[in-house]
Amino acid sequence: MTSARVPTTTVRRVRPADAARMRALRLEMLADSPLAFLETVAEAAARPHAEVTARVAAVSRGSQTAQFVADPGGRLVGHAGGTVLPAEPGLTVVYAVYVTPARRGSGLLGALVDEVAAWSRACGRPELLLEVVVGNDRAYRAYQKLGFVDTGVRVPHPRIPTLTELQMRRPA
């Protein structure tokens, strides 16, 4: 009997050198889950590489916005971002969470959220908030398993007026 080898994956803050791999992951994210993110595949594909590079460099440092990736040493297989919400200085909004389909259920989601949480705590923000499209039960259950609780707050989807998002929170 042979055993399958699972590649070691490092979860870390994105680096400027990751720009091309981030672009590829972003296009995959948008193609796989078009309702979950705030742009289309066409919009992302049209963005000049210099703009992608600048965005990646901006989120690779600082305490206002950060992005973390799951990196097995080739194509990136996961992503999660965090950003400050000026109206709630003790809160980090978790955004653009994604794990490639072949790696779902592997623990990468928890590892990505844990990195956002550690960064949030280091920045003095003890709470996390995220939004999930109502009806995305797979994501809802996954976030519940990570300790997020449905707050009961519902907000309109920022781009698709027929959709609603629900807010979930947990301690960082």
Protein backbone atom coordinates (compact mmCIF):
# COMPACT_ATOMS: atom_id res chain seq x y z
CA MET A 1 0.00 0.00 0.00
CA THR A 2 1.31 3.44 -0.88
CA SER A 3 0.52 6.62 0.95
CA ALA A 4 -0.19 9.90 -0.78
CA ARG A 5 2.29 12.63 0.01
CA VAL A 6 0.67 15.90 1.03
CA PRO A 7 2.88 18.88 0.21
CA THR A 8 3.92 21.06 3.11
CA THR A 9 2.17 24.39 2.87
CA THR A 10 3.38 27.54 4.54
CA VAL A 11 0.82 30.15 5.52
CA ARG A 12 2.43 33.58 5.60
CA ARG A 13 1.97 37.22 4.80
CA VAL A 14 2.13 37.97 1.10
CA ARG A 15 5.39 39.41 -0.27
CA PRO A 16 5.96 41.78 -3.20
CA ALA A 17 7.61 38.92 -5.13
CA ASP A 18 4.28 37.05 -5.01
CA ALA A 19 2.55 39.42 -7.45
CA ALA A 20 2.32 37.04 -10.44
CA ARG A 21 1.18 34.13 -8.26
CA MET A 22 -1.33 36.41 -6.50
CA ARG A 23 -2.77 37.45 -9.84
CA ALA A 24 -3.20 33.79 -10.84
CA LEU A 25 -4.83 32.97 -7.50
CA ARG A 26 -7.14 35.99 -7.75
CA LEU A 27 -8.35 34.88 -11.19
CA GLU A 28 -8.94 31.36 -9.83
CA MET A 29 -10.87 32.78 -6.85
CA LEU A 30 -13.13 34.85 -9.08
CA ALA A 31 -13.78 32.00 -11.50
CA ASP A 32 -14.55 29.53 -8.70
CA SER A 33 -16.66 31.77 -6.45
CA PRO A 34 -17.93 34.77 -8.43
CA LEU A 35 -20.47 35.90 -5.82
CA ALA A 36 -17.96 35.97 -2.97
CA PHE A 37 -15.66 38.72 -4.21
CA LEU A 38 -16.10 42.32 -5.26
CA GLU A 39 -14.91 42.17 -8.85
CA THR A 40 -15.31 40.00 -11.91
CA VAL A 41 -12.75 37.80 -13.63
CA ALA A 42 -12.78 40.24 -16.57
CA GLU A 43 -12.06 43.22 -14.30
CA ALA A 44 -9.19 41.42 -12.57
CA ALA A 45 -7.74 40.11 -15.83
CA ALA A 46 -7.76 43.63 -17.30
CA ARG A 47 -5.79 45.09 -14.39
CA PRO A 48 -2.23 45.97 -15.46
CA HIS A 49 0.50 43.88 -13.84
CA ALA A 50 2.10 47.03 -12.41
CA GLU A 51 -1.13 47.74 -10.50
CA VAL A 52 -1.26 44.18 -9.16
CA THR A 53 2.37 44.48 -8.08
CA ALA A 54 1.68 47.77 -6.28
CA ARG A 55 -1.36 46.33 -4.50
CA VAL A 56 0.57 43.27 -3.34
CA ALA A 57 3.43 45.44 -2.09
CA ALA A 58 0.97 47.64 -0.17
CA VAL A 59 -0.62 44.73 1.72
CA SER A 60 2.72 43.05 2.44
CA ARG A 61 3.47 45.51 5.25
CA GLY A 62 1.75 47.77 7.74
CA SER A 63 -1.14 47.53 10.16
CA GLN A 64 -4.08 48.81 8.10
CA THR A 65 -4.47 46.00 5.58
CA ALA A 66 -2.72 42.65 5.24
CA GLN A 67 -3.05 39.60 3.03
CA PHE A 68 -1.94 36.07 3.83
CA VAL A 69 -1.39 33.17 1.46
CA ALA A 70 -1.10 29.41 1.61
CA ASP A 71 2.09 28.60 -0.28
CA PRO A 72 3.12 24.99 -1.01
CA GLY A 73 6.05 26.26 -3.06
CA GLY A 74 4.36 26.54 -6.44
CA ARG A 75 0.94 27.85 -7.25
CA LEU A 76 -0.67 29.58 -4.23
CA VAL A 77 -3.57 27.53 -2.85
CA GLY A 78 -5.26 29.88 -0.39
CA HIS A 79 -5.74 33.49 0.63
CA ALA A 80 -7.25 35.60 3.41
CA GLY A 81 -7.04 39.32 3.99
CA GLY A 82 -7.69 41.59 6.92
CA THR A 83 -8.36 45.31 7.07
CA VAL A 84 -9.16 47.90 9.67
CA LEU A 85 -12.66 49.36 9.93
CA PRO A 86 -12.23 53.01 10.98
CA ALA A 87 -15.63 53.12 12.70
CA GLU A 88 -14.63 50.18 14.93
CA PRO A 89 -10.93 50.49 15.82
CA GLY A 90 -10.89 47.20 17.79
CA LEU A 91 -12.08 45.20 14.79
CA THR A 92 -10.43 43.58 11.78
CA VAL A 93 -12.62 42.76 8.80
CA VAL A 94 -11.60 39.44 7.25
CA TYR A 95 -12.03 39.49 3.47
CA ALA A 96 -11.27 37.58 0.26
CA VAL A 97 -11.01 34.22 1.99
CA TYR A 98 -10.37 31.37 -0.42
CA VAL A 99 -8.95 27.86 -0.48
CA THR A 100 -8.52 26.09 -3.81
CA PRO A 101 -11.09 23.27 -4.17
CA ALA A 102 -8.52 20.42 -4.01
CA ARG A 103 -7.28 21.72 -0.62
CA ARG A 104 -10.64 22.39 1.05
CA GLY A 105 -11.08 20.46 4.27
CA SER A 106 -7.32 20.27 4.78
CA GLY A 107 -7.11 22.82 7.60
CA LEU A 108 -5.83 25.65 5.40
CA LEU A 109 -8.91 27.79 6.04
CA GLY A 110 -8.22 27.72 9.79
CA ALA A 111 -4.52 28.41 9.27
CA LEU A 112 -5.27 31.42 7.05
CA VAL A 113 -7.81 32.87 9.50
CA ASP A 114 -5.39 32.22 12.39
CA GLU A 115 -2.74 34.33 10.60
CA VAL A 116 -5.22 37.17 10.11
CA ALA A 117 -6.20 36.86 13.78
CA ALA A 118 -2.58 36.95 14.99
CA TRP A 119 -1.92 40.04 12.86
CA SER A 120 -5.12 41.65 14.16
CA ARG A 121 -4.13 41.05 17.80
CA ALA A 122 -0.61 42.38 17.14
CA CYS A 123 -2.23 45.55 15.77
CA GLY A 124 -4.39 45.94 18.90
CA ARG A 125 -7.63 44.73 17.35
CA PRO A 126 -9.11 41.90 19.44
CA GLU A 127 -12.11 41.03 17.24
CA LEU A 128 -12.72 39.67 13.73
CA LEU A 129 -15.74 40.26 11.47
CA LEU A 130 -16.56 38.69 8.13
CA GLU A 131 -19.51 38.61 5.78
CA VAL A 132 -20.93 35.59 3.96
CA VAL A 133 -23.56 35.57 1.20
CA VAL A 134 -26.81 34.24 2.66
CA GLY A 135 -27.24 30.74 1.24
CA ASN A 136 -23.52 29.94 1.07
CA ASP A 137 -24.01 27.21 3.65
CA ARG A 138 -20.63 25.58 3.03
CA ALA A 139 -18.77 28.76 3.96
CA TYR A 140 -21.16 29.51 6.83
CA ARG A 141 -20.54 26.09 8.42
CA ALA A 142 -16.78 26.34 7.87
CA TYR A 143 -16.66 29.70 9.66
CA GLN A 144 -18.82 28.37 12.50
CA LYS A 145 -16.27 25.59 13.01
CA LEU A 146 -13.61 28.31 13.35
CA GLY A 147 -15.56 30.00 16.13
CA PHE A 148 -17.41 32.67 14.17
CA VAL A 149 -20.94 33.41 15.37
CA ASP A 150 -23.78 34.80 13.27
CA THR A 151 -24.58 38.26 14.68
CA GLY A 152 -28.03 38.44 13.12
CA VAL A 153 -26.95 41.48 11.10
CA ARG A 154 -27.82 41.33 7.40
CA VAL A 155 -26.45 43.76 4.85
CA PRO A 156 -26.96 44.14 1.09
CA HIS A 157 -24.31 42.59 -1.13
CA PRO A 158 -22.10 45.48 -2.28
CA ARG A 159 -22.38 44.63 -5.99
CA ILE A 160 -25.41 42.39 -6.50
CA PRO A 161 -28.60 44.00 -5.15
CA THR A 162 -30.58 40.74 -5.11
CA LEU A 163 -28.14 39.15 -2.61
CA THR A 164 -27.78 39.65 1.11
CA GLU A 165 -24.76 38.98 3.30
CA LEU A 166 -24.73 37.97 6.94
CA GLN A 167 -22.15 39.13 9.44
CA MET A 168 -20.20 36.77 11.67
CA ARG A 169 -17.80 37.70 14.47
CA ARG A 170 -15.31 36.03 16.77
CA PRO A 171 -12.42 37.03 19.01
CA ALA A 172 -9.11 37.43 17.26
